[in-house]
PDB file of N, CA and C in Angstrom:
ATOM      1  N   UNK A   1      11.723 -35.719  -7.772  1.00  0.00           N
ATOM      2  CA  UNK A   1      11.092 -35.204  -6.583  1.00  0.00           C
ATOM      3  C   UNK A   1      10.388 -33.886  -6.919  1.00  0.00           C
ATOM      4  N   UNK A   2       9.185 -33.734  -6.467  1.00  0.00           N
ATOM      5  CA  UNK A   2       8.391 -32.550  -6.755  1.00  0.00           C
ATOM      6  C   UNK A   2       8.823 -31.392  -5.849  1.00  0.00           C
ATOM      7  N   UNK A   3       9.052 -30.209  -6.457  1.00  0.00           N
ATOM      8  CA  UNK A   3       9.420 -29.031  -5.673  1.00  0.00           C
ATOM      9  C   UNK A   3       8.176 -28.465  -5.007  1.00  0.00           C
ATOM     10  N   UNK A   4       8.322 -28.064  -3.786  1.00  0.00           N
ATOM     11  CA  UNK A   4       7.204 -27.517  -3.028  1.00  0.00           C
ATOM     12  C   UNK A   4       7.487 -26.046  -2.740  1.00  0.00           C
ATOM     13  N   UNK A   5       6.502 -25.211  -2.965  1.00  0.00           N
ATOM     14  CA  UNK A   5       6.641 -23.787  -2.719  1.00  0.00           C
ATOM     15  C   UNK A   5       6.674 -23.533  -1.214  1.00  0.00           C
ATOM     16  N   UNK A   6       7.818 -23.075  -0.726  1.00  0.00           N
ATOM     17  CA  UNK A   6       7.992 -22.833   0.708  1.00  0.00           C
ATOM     18  C   UNK A   6       7.018 -21.779   1.217  1.00  0.00           C
ATOM     19  N   UNK A   7       6.693 -20.822   0.380  1.00  0.00           N
ATOM     20  CA  UNK A   7       5.757 -19.776   0.793  1.00  0.00           C
ATOM     21  C   UNK A   7       4.391 -20.367   1.120  1.00  0.00           C
ATOM     22  N   UNK A   8       3.918 -21.289   0.286  1.00  0.00           N
ATOM     23  CA  UNK A   8       2.621 -21.910   0.536  1.00  0.00           C
ATOM     24  C   UNK A   8       2.654 -22.759   1.801  1.00  0.00           C
ATOM     25  N   UNK A   9       3.770 -23.438   2.032  1.00  0.00           N
ATOM     26  CA  UNK A   9       3.882 -24.282   3.217  1.00  0.00           C
ATOM     27  C   UNK A   9       3.964 -23.470   4.506  1.00  0.00           C
ATOM     28  N   UNK A  10       4.659 -22.341   4.445  1.00  0.00           N
ATOM     29  CA  UNK A  10       4.944 -21.585   5.664  1.00  0.00           C
ATOM     30  C   UNK A  10       4.377 -20.170   5.621  1.00  0.00           C
ATOM     31  N   UNK A  11       3.266 -19.990   4.948  1.00  0.00           N
ATOM     32  CA  UNK A  11       2.721 -18.648   4.746  1.00  0.00           C
ATOM     33  C   UNK A  11       2.466 -17.907   6.047  1.00  0.00           C
ATOM     34  N   UNK A  12       2.150 -18.627   7.094  1.00  0.00           N
ATOM     35  CA  UNK A  12       1.873 -17.949   8.364  1.00  0.00           C
ATOM     36  C   UNK A  12       3.142 -17.638   9.153  1.00  0.00           C
ATOM     37  N   UNK A  13       4.259 -18.133   8.706  1.00  0.00           N
ATOM     38  CA  UNK A  13       5.518 -17.929   9.420  1.00  0.00           C
ATOM     39  C   UNK A  13       6.053 -16.522   9.188  1.00  0.00           C
ATOM     40  N   UNK A  14       6.361 -15.828  10.256  1.00  0.00           N
ATOM     41  CA  UNK A  14       6.902 -14.478  10.166  1.00  0.00           C
ATOM     42  C   UNK A  14       8.260 -14.480   9.453  1.00  0.00           C
ATOM     43  N   UNK A  15       9.058 -15.533   9.659  1.00  0.00           N
ATOM     44  CA  UNK A  15      10.373 -15.613   9.048  1.00  0.00           C
ATOM     45  C   UNK A  15      10.266 -15.627   7.522  1.00  0.00           C
ATOM     46  N   UNK A  16       9.303 -16.337   7.000  1.00  0.00           N
ATOM     47  CA  UNK A  16       9.125 -16.386   5.552  1.00  0.00           C
ATOM     48  C   UNK A  16       8.731 -15.014   5.032  1.00  0.00           C
ATOM     49  N   UNK A  17       7.841 -14.313   5.744  1.00  0.00           N
ATOM     50  CA  UNK A  17       7.419 -12.991   5.306  1.00  0.00           C
ATOM     51  C   UNK A  17       8.593 -12.017   5.302  1.00  0.00           C
ATOM     52  N   UNK A  18       9.450 -12.096   6.305  1.00  0.00           N
ATOM     53  CA  UNK A  18      10.626 -11.237   6.335  1.00  0.00           C
ATOM     54  C   UNK A  18      11.491 -11.511   5.120  1.00  0.00           C
ATOM     55  N   UNK A  19      11.668 -12.777   4.783  1.00  0.00           N
ATOM     56  CA  UNK A  19      12.454 -13.141   3.612  1.00  0.00           C
ATOM     57  C   UNK A  19      11.834 -12.567   2.341  1.00  0.00           C
ATOM     58  N   UNK A  20      10.520 -12.687   2.216  1.00  0.00           N
ATOM     59  CA  UNK A  20       9.857 -12.161   1.028  1.00  0.00           C
ATOM     60  C   UNK A  20       9.930 -10.645   0.985  1.00  0.00           C
ATOM     61  N   UNK A  21       9.849  -9.968   2.134  1.00  0.00           N
ATOM     62  CA  UNK A  21       9.981  -8.521   2.164  1.00  0.00           C
ATOM     63  C   UNK A  21      11.382  -8.091   1.745  1.00  0.00           C
ATOM     64  N   UNK A  22      12.401  -8.844   2.157  1.00  0.00           N
ATOM     65  CA  UNK A  22      13.767  -8.533   1.729  1.00  0.00           C
ATOM     66  C   UNK A  22      13.901  -8.705   0.220  1.00  0.00           C
ATOM     67  N   UNK A  23      13.311  -9.769  -0.312  1.00  0.00           N
ATOM     68  CA  UNK A  23      13.345  -9.979  -1.761  1.00  0.00           C
ATOM     69  C   UNK A  23      12.618  -8.853  -2.481  1.00  0.00           C
ATOM     70  N   UNK A  24      11.481  -8.433  -1.947  1.00  0.00           N
ATOM     71  CA  UNK A  24      10.730  -7.329  -2.546  1.00  0.00           C
ATOM     72  C   UNK A  24      11.550  -6.050  -2.494  1.00  0.00           C
ATOM     73  N   UNK A  25      12.204  -5.811  -1.385  1.00  0.00           N
ATOM     74  CA  UNK A  25      13.024  -4.603  -1.252  1.00  0.00           C
ATOM     75  C   UNK A  25      14.143  -4.595  -2.288  1.00  0.00           C
ATOM     76  N   UNK A  26      14.797  -5.727  -2.466  1.00  0.00           N
ATOM     77  CA  UNK A  26      15.855  -5.824  -3.485  1.00  0.00           C
ATOM     78  C   UNK A  26      15.294  -5.552  -4.881  1.00  0.00           C
ATOM     79  N   UNK A  27      14.145  -6.150  -5.169  1.00  0.00           N
ATOM     80  CA  UNK A  27      13.501  -5.954  -6.469  1.00  0.00           C
ATOM     81  C   UNK A  27      13.163  -4.483  -6.686  1.00  0.00           C
ATOM     82  N   UNK A  28      12.586  -3.849  -5.682  1.00  0.00           N
ATOM     83  CA  UNK A  28      12.200  -2.444  -5.812  1.00  0.00           C
ATOM     84  C   UNK A  28      13.406  -1.523  -5.929  1.00  0.00           C
ATOM     85  N   UNK A  29      14.465  -1.824  -5.205  1.00  0.00           N
ATOM     86  CA  UNK A  29      15.681  -1.016  -5.333  1.00  0.00           C
ATOM     87  C   UNK A  29      16.192  -1.091  -6.766  1.00  0.00           C
ATOM     88  N   UNK A  30      16.137  -2.275  -7.353  1.00  0.00           N
ATOM     89  CA  UNK A  30      16.587  -2.438  -8.733  1.00  0.00           C
ATOM     90  C   UNK A  30      15.633  -1.751  -9.712  1.00  0.00           C
ATOM     91  N   UNK A  31      14.321  -1.961  -9.554  1.00  0.00           N
ATOM     92  CA  UNK A  31      13.349  -1.413 -10.506  1.00  0.00           C
ATOM     93  C   UNK A  31      13.140   0.090 -10.361  1.00  0.00           C
ATOM     94  N   UNK A  32      13.219   0.606  -9.152  1.00  0.00           N
ATOM     95  CA  UNK A  32      12.948   2.022  -8.913  1.00  0.00           C
ATOM     96  C   UNK A  32      14.246   2.828  -8.836  1.00  0.00           C
ATOM     97  N   UNK A  33      15.239   2.303  -8.151  1.00  0.00           N
ATOM     98  CA  UNK A  33      16.457   3.075  -7.936  1.00  0.00           C
ATOM     99  C   UNK A  33      17.617   2.729  -8.832  1.00  0.00           C
ATOM    100  N   UNK A  34      17.628   1.528  -9.355  1.00  0.00           N
ATOM    101  CA  UNK A  34      18.800   1.075 -10.080  1.00  0.00           C
ATOM    102  C   UNK A  34      18.687   1.113 -11.587  1.00  0.00           C
ATOM    103  N   UNK A  35      17.637   1.726 -12.098  1.00  0.00           N
ATOM    104  CA  UNK A  35      17.480   1.778 -13.552  1.00  0.00           C
ATOM    105  C   UNK A  35      16.929   3.136 -13.967  1.00  0.00           C
ATOM    106  N   UNK A  36      17.137   3.473 -15.215  1.00  0.00           N
ATOM    107  CA  UNK A  36      16.774   4.802 -15.714  1.00  0.00           C
ATOM    108  C   UNK A  36      15.285   5.112 -15.610  1.00  0.00           C
ATOM    109  N   UNK A  37      14.441   4.130 -15.762  1.00  0.00           N
ATOM    110  CA  UNK A  37      13.003   4.372 -15.734  1.00  0.00           C
ATOM    111  C   UNK A  37      12.379   4.265 -14.360  1.00  0.00           C
ATOM    112  N   UNK A  38      13.184   4.241 -13.331  1.00  0.00           N
ATOM    113  CA  UNK A  38      12.681   4.020 -11.983  1.00  0.00           C
ATOM    114  C   UNK A  38      11.672   5.043 -11.510  1.00  0.00           C
ATOM    115  N   UNK A  39      11.934   6.302 -11.765  1.00  0.00           N
ATOM    116  CA  UNK A  39      11.008   7.343 -11.327  1.00  0.00           C
ATOM    117  C   UNK A  39       9.656   7.198 -12.031  1.00  0.00           C
ATOM    118  N   UNK A  40       9.672   6.881 -13.313  1.00  0.00           N
ATOM    119  CA  UNK A  40       8.415   6.683 -14.046  1.00  0.00           C
ATOM    120  C   UNK A  40       7.660   5.479 -13.491  1.00  0.00           C
ATOM    121  N   UNK A  41       8.364   4.403 -13.188  1.00  0.00           N
ATOM    122  CA  UNK A  41       7.689   3.230 -12.622  1.00  0.00           C
ATOM    123  C   UNK A  41       7.062   3.570 -11.266  1.00  0.00           C
ATOM    124  N   UNK A  42       7.755   4.364 -10.466  1.00  0.00           N
ATOM    125  CA  UNK A  42       7.192   4.784  -9.182  1.00  0.00           C
ATOM    126  C   UNK A  42       5.951   5.654  -9.398  1.00  0.00           C
ATOM    127  N   UNK A  43       6.003   6.563 -10.349  1.00  0.00           N
ATOM    128  CA  UNK A  43       4.840   7.417 -10.639  1.00  0.00           C
ATOM    129  C   UNK A  43       3.652   6.572 -11.089  1.00  0.00           C
ATOM    130  N   UNK A  44       3.900   5.561 -11.907  1.00  0.00           N
ATOM    131  CA  UNK A  44       2.829   4.669 -12.363  1.00  0.00           C
ATOM    132  C   UNK A  44       2.236   3.920 -11.179  1.00  0.00           C
ATOM    133  N   UNK A  45       3.083   3.347 -10.334  1.00  0.00           N
ATOM    134  CA  UNK A  45       2.592   2.605  -9.173  1.00  0.00           C
ATOM    135  C   UNK A  45       1.773   3.499  -8.246  1.00  0.00           C
ATOM    136  N   UNK A  46       2.258   4.692  -7.991  1.00  0.00           N
ATOM    137  CA  UNK A  46       1.539   5.613  -7.107  1.00  0.00           C
ATOM    138  C   UNK A  46       0.183   5.999  -7.690  1.00  0.00           C
ATOM    139  N   UNK A  47       0.139   6.217  -8.983  1.00  0.00           N
ATOM    140  CA  UNK A  47      -1.119   6.580  -9.642  1.00  0.00           C
ATOM    141  C   UNK A  47      -2.096   5.414  -9.619  1.00  0.00           C
ATOM    142  N   UNK A  48      -1.595   4.210  -9.882  1.00  0.00           N
ATOM    143  CA  UNK A  48      -2.470   3.034  -9.868  1.00  0.00           C
ATOM    144  C   UNK A  48      -2.963   2.709  -8.465  1.00  0.00           C
ATOM    145  N   UNK A  49      -2.241   3.118  -7.470  1.00  0.00           N
ATOM    146  CA  UNK A  49      -2.691   2.848  -6.099  1.00  0.00           C
ATOM    147  C   UNK A  49      -3.971   3.619  -5.791  1.00  0.00           C
ATOM    148  N   UNK A  50      -4.131   4.775  -6.426  1.00  0.00           N
ATOM    149  CA  UNK A  50      -5.348   5.564  -6.229  1.00  0.00           C
ATOM    150  C   UNK A  50      -6.562   4.861  -6.831  1.00  0.00           C
ATOM    151  N   UNK A  51      -6.389   4.335  -8.047  1.00  0.00           N
ATOM    152  CA  UNK A  51      -7.465   3.581  -8.706  1.00  0.00           C
ATOM    153  C   UNK A  51      -6.906   2.884  -9.936  1.00  0.00           C
ATOM    154  N   UNK A  52      -7.517   1.757 -10.331  1.00  0.00           N
ATOM    155  CA  UNK A  52      -7.080   1.070 -11.551  1.00  0.00           C
ATOM    156  C   UNK A  52      -7.299   1.958 -12.778  1.00  0.00           C
ATOM    157  N   UNK A  53      -6.384   1.858 -13.739  1.00  0.00           N
ATOM    158  CA  UNK A  53      -6.482   2.638 -14.972  1.00  0.00           C
ATOM    159  C   UNK A  53      -5.912   1.844 -16.125  1.00  0.00           C
ATOM    160  N   UNK A  54      -6.352   2.196 -17.335  1.00  0.00           N
ATOM    161  CA  UNK A  54      -5.751   1.595 -18.516  1.00  0.00           C
ATOM    162  C   UNK A  54      -4.546   2.448 -18.934  1.00  0.00           C
ATOM    163  N   UNK A  55      -3.707   1.930 -19.819  1.00  0.00           N
ATOM    164  CA  UNK A  55      -2.494   2.661 -20.203  1.00  0.00           C
ATOM    165  C   UNK A  55      -2.761   4.052 -20.781  1.00  0.00           C
ATOM    166  N   UNK A  56      -3.842   4.192 -21.537  1.00  0.00           N
ATOM    167  CA  UNK A  56      -4.153   5.490 -22.125  1.00  0.00           C
ATOM    168  C   UNK A  56      -4.475   6.521 -21.040  1.00  0.00           C
ATOM    169  N   UNK A  57      -5.244   6.124 -20.046  1.00  0.00           N
ATOM    170  CA  UNK A  57      -5.557   7.025 -18.936  1.00  0.00           C
ATOM    171  C   UNK A  57      -4.289   7.409 -18.178  1.00  0.00           C
ATOM    172  N   UNK A  58      -3.436   6.431 -17.937  1.00  0.00           N
ATOM    173  CA  UNK A  58      -2.168   6.706 -17.248  1.00  0.00           C
ATOM    174  C   UNK A  58      -1.311   7.688 -18.039  1.00  0.00           C
ATOM    175  N   UNK A  59      -1.222   7.477 -19.347  1.00  0.00           N
ATOM    176  CA  UNK A  59      -0.411   8.353 -20.197  1.00  0.00           C
ATOM    177  C   UNK A  59      -0.904   9.797 -20.113  1.00  0.00           C
ATOM    178  N   UNK A  60      -2.214   9.979 -20.129  1.00  0.00           N
ATOM    179  CA  UNK A  60      -2.773  11.338 -20.048  1.00  0.00           C
ATOM    180  C   UNK A  60      -2.502  11.971 -18.687  1.00  0.00           C
ATOM    181  N   UNK A  61      -2.731  11.227 -17.619  1.00  0.00           N
ATOM    182  CA  UNK A  61      -2.533  11.767 -16.269  1.00  0.00           C
ATOM    183  C   UNK A  61      -1.064  12.093 -16.007  1.00  0.00           C
ATOM    184  N   UNK A  62      -0.169  11.213 -16.453  1.00  0.00           N
ATOM    185  CA  UNK A  62       1.266  11.402 -16.208  1.00  0.00           C
ATOM    186  C   UNK A  62       1.931  12.284 -17.261  1.00  0.00           C
ATOM    187  N   UNK A  63       1.160  12.626 -18.305  1.00  0.00           N
ATOM    188  CA  UNK A  63       1.652  13.484 -19.385  1.00  0.00           C
ATOM    189  C   UNK A  63       2.896  12.900 -20.071  1.00  0.00           C
ATOM    190  N   UNK A  64       2.786  11.604 -20.420  1.00  0.00           N
ATOM    191  CA  UNK A  64       3.858  10.911 -21.137  1.00  0.00           C
ATOM    192  C   UNK A  64       3.266  10.136 -22.306  1.00  0.00           C
ATOM    193  N   UNK A  65       4.127   9.635 -23.156  1.00  0.00           N
ATOM    194  CA  UNK A  65       3.723   8.863 -24.317  1.00  0.00           C
ATOM    195  C   UNK A  65       3.098   7.529 -23.902  1.00  0.00           C
ATOM    196  N   UNK A  66       2.087   7.120 -24.641  1.00  0.00           N
ATOM    197  CA  UNK A  66       1.399   5.853 -24.394  1.00  0.00           C
ATOM    198  C   UNK A  66       2.378   4.678 -24.397  1.00  0.00           C
ATOM    199  N   UNK A  67       3.301   4.645 -25.360  1.00  0.00           N
ATOM    200  CA  UNK A  67       4.271   3.542 -25.457  1.00  0.00           C
ATOM    201  C   UNK A  67       5.189   3.500 -24.232  1.00  0.00           C
ATOM    202  N   UNK A  68       5.504   4.642 -23.673  1.00  0.00           N
ATOM    203  CA  UNK A  68       6.314   4.690 -22.449  1.00  0.00           C
ATOM    204  C   UNK A  68       5.589   3.983 -21.315  1.00  0.00           C
ATOM    205  N   UNK A  69       4.304   4.276 -21.182  1.00  0.00           N
ATOM    206  CA  UNK A  69       3.500   3.648 -20.130  1.00  0.00           C
ATOM    207  C   UNK A  69       3.430   2.143 -20.347  1.00  0.00           C
ATOM    208  N   UNK A  70       3.178   1.715 -21.581  1.00  0.00           N
ATOM    209  CA  UNK A  70       3.101   0.284 -21.898  1.00  0.00           C
ATOM    210  C   UNK A  70       4.413  -0.410 -21.527  1.00  0.00           C
ATOM    211  N   UNK A  71       5.527   0.180 -21.908  1.00  0.00           N
ATOM    212  CA  UNK A  71       6.844  -0.394 -21.626  1.00  0.00           C
ATOM    213  C   UNK A  71       7.018  -0.639 -20.121  1.00  0.00           C
ATOM    214  N   UNK A  72       6.710   0.373 -19.311  1.00  0.00           N
ATOM    215  CA  UNK A  72       6.898   0.246 -17.864  1.00  0.00           C
ATOM    216  C   UNK A  72       5.874  -0.687 -17.231  1.00  0.00           C
ATOM    217  N   UNK A  73       4.638  -0.676 -17.722  1.00  0.00           N
ATOM    218  CA  UNK A  73       3.631  -1.604 -17.203  1.00  0.00           C
ATOM    219  C   UNK A  73       4.035  -3.052 -17.454  1.00  0.00           C
ATOM    220  N   UNK A  74       4.607  -3.324 -18.618  1.00  0.00           N
ATOM    221  CA  UNK A  74       5.057  -4.688 -18.921  1.00  0.00           C
ATOM    222  C   UNK A  74       6.145  -5.128 -17.945  1.00  0.00           C
ATOM    223  N   UNK A  75       7.067  -4.239 -17.632  1.00  0.00           N
ATOM    224  CA  UNK A  75       8.124  -4.560 -16.667  1.00  0.00           C
ATOM    225  C   UNK A  75       7.522  -4.808 -15.287  1.00  0.00           C
ATOM    226  N   UNK A  76       6.622  -3.940 -14.870  1.00  0.00           N
ATOM    227  CA  UNK A  76       5.989  -4.081 -13.556  1.00  0.00           C
ATOM    228  C   UNK A  76       5.146  -5.346 -13.476  1.00  0.00           C
ATOM    229  N   UNK A  77       4.454  -5.676 -14.562  1.00  0.00           N
ATOM    230  CA  UNK A  77       3.634  -6.895 -14.577  1.00  0.00           C
ATOM    231  C   UNK A  77       4.508  -8.146 -14.543  1.00  0.00           C
ATOM    232  N   UNK A  78       5.593  -8.132 -15.317  1.00  0.00           N
ATOM    233  CA  UNK A  78       6.517  -9.272 -15.338  1.00  0.00           C
ATOM    234  C   UNK A  78       7.102  -9.549 -13.954  1.00  0.00           C
ATOM    235  N   UNK A  79       7.243  -8.515 -13.157  1.00  0.00           N
ATOM    236  CA  UNK A  79       7.824  -8.657 -11.824  1.00  0.00           C
ATOM    237  C   UNK A  79       6.779  -8.768 -10.718  1.00  0.00           C
ATOM    238  N   UNK A  80       5.517  -8.930 -11.097  1.00  0.00           N
ATOM    239  CA  UNK A  80       4.455  -9.194 -10.133  1.00  0.00           C
ATOM    240  C   UNK A  80       3.991  -8.003  -9.316  1.00  0.00           C
ATOM    241  N   UNK A  81       4.256  -6.785  -9.793  1.00  0.00           N
ATOM    242  CA  UNK A  81       3.877  -5.598  -9.031  1.00  0.00           C
ATOM    243  C   UNK A  81       2.549  -5.002  -9.474  1.00  0.00           C
ATOM    244  N   UNK A  82       2.156  -5.249 -10.712  1.00  0.00           N
ATOM    245  CA  UNK A  82       0.836  -4.842 -11.196  1.00  0.00           C
ATOM    246  C   UNK A  82       0.171  -6.029 -11.868  1.00  0.00           C
ATOM    247  N   UNK A  83      -1.144  -5.940 -11.985  1.00  0.00           N
ATOM    248  CA  UNK A  83      -1.941  -6.991 -12.605  1.00  0.00           C
ATOM    249  C   UNK A  83      -2.841  -6.355 -13.647  1.00  0.00           C
ATOM    250  N   UNK A  84      -2.961  -7.002 -14.790  1.00  0.00           N
ATOM    251  CA  UNK A  84      -3.866  -6.532 -15.835  1.00  0.00           C
ATOM    252  C   UNK A  84      -5.214  -7.219 -15.637  1.00  0.00           C
ATOM    253  N   UNK A  85      -6.266  -6.417 -15.540  1.00  0.00           N
ATOM    254  CA  UNK A  85      -7.611  -6.952 -15.303  1.00  0.00           C
ATOM    255  C   UNK A  85      -8.345  -7.072 -16.629  1.00  0.00           C
ATOM    256  N   UNK A  86      -8.122  -8.169 -17.317  1.00  0.00           N
ATOM    257  CA  UNK A  86      -8.789  -8.383 -18.595  1.00  0.00           C
ATOM    258  C   UNK A  86      -7.820  -8.365 -19.753  1.00  0.00           C
ATOM    259  N   UNK A  87      -8.382  -8.380 -20.942  1.00  0.00           N
ATOM    260  CA  UNK A  87      -7.585  -8.397 -22.169  1.00  0.00           C
ATOM    261  C   UNK A  87      -7.973  -7.214 -23.044  1.00  0.00           C
ATOM    262  N   UNK A  88      -7.130  -6.914 -23.991  1.00  0.00           N
ATOM    263  CA  UNK A  88      -7.461  -5.894 -24.973  1.00  0.00           C
ATOM    264  C   UNK A  88      -6.961  -4.511 -24.617  1.00  0.00           C
ATOM    265  N   UNK A  89      -7.274  -3.594 -25.514  1.00  0.00           N
ATOM    266  CA  UNK A  89      -6.764  -2.225 -25.457  1.00  0.00           C
ATOM    267  C   UNK A  89      -7.141  -1.491 -24.170  1.00  0.00           C
ATOM    268  N   UNK A  90      -8.385  -1.562 -23.774  1.00  0.00           N
ATOM    269  CA  UNK A  90      -8.856  -0.767 -22.644  1.00  0.00           C
ATOM    270  C   UNK A  90      -8.766  -1.437 -21.289  1.00  0.00           C
ATOM    271  N   UNK A  91      -8.104  -2.588 -21.220  1.00  0.00           N
ATOM    272  CA  UNK A  91      -8.032  -3.324 -19.949  1.00  0.00           C
ATOM    273  C   UNK A  91      -7.259  -2.516 -18.906  1.00  0.00           C
ATOM    274  N   UNK A  92      -7.844  -2.352 -17.730  1.00  0.00           N
ATOM    275  CA  UNK A  92      -7.153  -1.590 -16.689  1.00  0.00           C
ATOM    276  C   UNK A  92      -6.083  -2.414 -15.972  1.00  0.00           C
ATOM    277  N   UNK A  93      -5.129  -1.717 -15.425  1.00  0.00           N
ATOM    278  CA  UNK A  93      -4.090  -2.313 -14.585  1.00  0.00           C
ATOM    279  C   UNK A  93      -4.342  -1.878 -13.151  1.00  0.00           C
ATOM    280  N   UNK A  94      -3.944  -2.729 -12.219  1.00  0.00           N
ATOM    281  CA  UNK A  94      -4.054  -2.393 -10.815  1.00  0.00           C
ATOM    282  C   UNK A  94      -2.845  -2.923 -10.068  1.00  0.00           C
ATOM    283  N   UNK A  95      -2.605  -2.359  -8.904  1.00  0.00           N
ATOM    284  CA  UNK A  95      -1.509  -2.810  -8.050  1.00  0.00           C
ATOM    285  C   UNK A  95      -1.793  -4.248  -7.636  1.00  0.00           C
ATOM    286  N   UNK A  96      -0.777  -5.102  -7.687  1.00  0.00           N
ATOM    287  CA  UNK A  96      -0.970  -6.490  -7.263  1.00  0.00           C
ATOM    288  C   UNK A  96      -1.235  -6.536  -5.758  1.00  0.00           C
ATOM    289  N   UNK A  97      -1.951  -7.564  -5.332  1.00  0.00           N
ATOM    290  CA  UNK A  97      -2.209  -7.739  -3.897  1.00  0.00           C
ATOM    291  C   UNK A  97      -0.897  -7.852  -3.130  1.00  0.00           C
ATOM    292  N   UNK A  98       0.074  -8.522  -3.740  1.00  0.00           N
ATOM    293  CA  UNK A  98       1.387  -8.711  -3.114  1.00  0.00           C
ATOM    294  C   UNK A  98       2.015  -7.361  -2.759  1.00  0.00           C
ATOM    295  N   UNK A  99       2.043  -6.432  -3.721  1.00  0.00           N
ATOM    296  CA  UNK A  99       2.636  -5.117  -3.463  1.00  0.00           C
ATOM    297  C   UNK A  99       1.738  -4.282  -2.559  1.00  0.00           C
ATOM    298  N   UNK A 100       0.443  -4.336  -2.793  1.00  0.00           N
ATOM    299  CA  UNK A 100      -0.477  -3.533  -1.987  1.00  0.00           C
ATOM    300  C   UNK A 100      -0.351  -3.871  -0.501  1.00  0.00           C
ATOM    301  N   UNK A 101      -0.205  -5.155  -0.195  1.00  0.00           N
ATOM    302  CA  UNK A 101      -0.052  -5.590   1.195  1.00  0.00           C
ATOM    303  C   UNK A 101       1.287  -5.168   1.793  1.00  0.00           C
ATOM    304  N   UNK A 102       2.248  -4.833   0.954  1.00  0.00           N
ATOM    305  CA  UNK A 102       3.596  -4.469   1.411  1.00  0.00           C
ATOM    306  C   UNK A 102       3.999  -3.077   0.912  1.00  0.00           C
ATOM    307  N   UNK A 103       3.031  -2.197   0.763  1.00  0.00           N
ATOM    308  CA  UNK A 103       3.292  -0.863   0.218  1.00  0.00           C
ATOM    309  C   UNK A 103       4.355  -0.127   1.038  1.00  0.00           C
ATOM    310  N   UNK A 104       4.424  -0.390   2.316  1.00  0.00           N
ATOM    311  CA  UNK A 104       5.421   0.244   3.171  1.00  0.00           C
ATOM    312  C   UNK A 104       6.846  -0.054   2.731  1.00  0.00           C
ATOM    313  N   UNK A 105       7.069  -1.221   2.158  1.00  0.00           N
ATOM    314  CA  UNK A 105       8.406  -1.571   1.655  1.00  0.00           C
ATOM    315  C   UNK A 105       8.776  -0.630   0.510  1.00  0.00           C
ATOM    316  N   UNK A 106       7.826  -0.355  -0.387  1.00  0.00           N
ATOM    317  CA  UNK A 106       8.072   0.581  -1.491  1.00  0.00           C
ATOM    318  C   UNK A 106       8.370   1.975  -0.939  1.00  0.00           C
ATOM    319  N   UNK A 107       7.613   2.409   0.046  1.00  0.00           N
ATOM    320  CA  UNK A 107       7.855   3.729   0.642  1.00  0.00           C
ATOM    321  C   UNK A 107       9.240   3.804   1.282  1.00  0.00           C
ATOM    322  N   UNK A 108       9.674   2.721   1.924  1.00  0.00           N
ATOM    323  CA  UNK A 108      11.023   2.676   2.505  1.00  0.00           C
ATOM    324  C   UNK A 108      12.088   2.813   1.424  1.00  0.00           C
ATOM    325  N   UNK A 109      11.900   2.103   0.322  1.00  0.00           N
ATOM    326  CA  UNK A 109      12.860   2.158  -0.786  1.00  0.00           C
ATOM    327  C   UNK A 109      12.917   3.567  -1.364  1.00  0.00           C
ATOM    328  N   UNK A 110      11.768   4.190  -1.546  1.00  0.00           N
ATOM    329  CA  UNK A 110      11.730   5.547  -2.102  1.00  0.00           C
ATOM    330  C   UNK A 110      12.437   6.523  -1.164  1.00  0.00           C
ATOM    331  N   UNK A 111      12.249   6.368   0.141  1.00  0.00           N
ATOM    332  CA  UNK A 111      12.957   7.234   1.105  1.00  0.00           C
ATOM    333  C   UNK A 111      14.472   7.057   1.009  1.00  0.00           C
ATOM    334  N   UNK A 112      14.909   5.824   0.759  1.00  0.00           N
ATOM    335  CA  UNK A 112      16.346   5.571   0.608  1.00  0.00           C
ATOM    336  C   UNK A 112      16.899   6.191  -0.666  1.00  0.00           C
ATOM    337  N   UNK A 113      16.116   6.128  -1.732  1.00  0.00           N
ATOM    338  CA  UNK A 113      16.592   6.518  -3.055  1.00  0.00           C
ATOM    339  C   UNK A 113      16.444   8.010  -3.321  1.00  0.00           C
ATOM    340  N   UNK A 114      15.351   8.601  -2.911  1.00  0.00           N
ATOM    341  CA  UNK A 114      15.072   9.993  -3.256  1.00  0.00           C
ATOM    342  C   UNK A 114      16.128  10.983  -2.773  1.00  0.00           C
ATOM    343  N   UNK A 115      16.696  10.838  -1.574  1.00  0.00           N
ATOM    344  CA  UNK A 115      17.753  11.787  -1.197  1.00  0.00           C
ATOM    345  C   UNK A 115      18.923  11.766  -2.178  1.00  0.00           C
ATOM    346  N   UNK A 116      19.247  10.581  -2.697  1.00  0.00           N
ATOM    347  CA  UNK A 116      20.331  10.465  -3.684  1.00  0.00           C
ATOM    348  C   UNK A 116      19.954  11.180  -4.967  1.00  0.00           C
ATOM    349  N   UNK A 117      18.708  11.021  -5.397  1.00  0.00           N
ATOM    350  CA  UNK A 117      18.257  11.645  -6.641  1.00  0.00           C
ATOM    351  C   UNK A 117      18.229  13.163  -6.497  1.00  0.00           C
ATOM    352  N   UNK A 118      17.904  13.656  -5.317  1.00  0.00           N
ATOM    353  CA  UNK A 118      17.788  15.096  -5.104  1.00  0.00           C
ATOM    354  C   UNK A 118      19.136  15.791  -4.964  1.00  0.00           C
ATOM    355  N   UNK A 119      20.206  15.058  -4.675  1.00  0.00           N
ATOM    356  CA  UNK A 119      21.529  15.670  -4.525  1.00  0.00           C
ATOM    357  C   UNK A 119      21.988  16.338  -5.813  1.00  0.00           C
ATOM    358  N   UNK A 120      21.649  15.746  -6.947  1.00  0.00           N
ATOM    359  CA  UNK A 120      22.067  16.301  -8.228  1.00  0.00           C
ATOM    360  C   UNK A 120      21.213  17.465  -8.691  1.00  0.00           C
ATOM    361  N   UNK A 121      20.078  17.707  -8.051  1.00  0.00           N
ATOM    362  CA  UNK A 121      19.165  18.774  -8.470  1.00  0.00           C
ATOM    363  C   UNK A 121      19.405  20.015  -7.621  1.00  0.00           C
ATOM    364  N   UNK A 122      20.175  20.951  -8.123  1.00  0.00           N
ATOM    365  CA  UNK A 122      20.411  22.208  -7.392  1.00  0.00           C
ATOM    366  C   UNK A 122      20.326  23.358  -8.312  1.00  0.00           C
TER     367      UNK A 122
END
């Protein structure tokens, strides 16, 4: 029996969108709040939201190593949060349509996580 993507079948259903937003929230909590590189991934996403950039441009703007940016971009791309526009060294990355349409979910997650991160900074 062929599996059918429920999202494609019920894309207009509000219930499906709520389910996908919950899944996105869980993913973001894990990627941003539940791992050591979460703050860097958030900085990359926020920077890419302003405009698409290649890894070298991101590294310069964020003042981090190029390999650090590549590592986090690969994680974000694997999880469908960024998209690479083209191939090769200078190919820019941009926020995926999926995340861009649900940017408020990321902001909610950051609001939940940042107070915890700030407690240790005194």
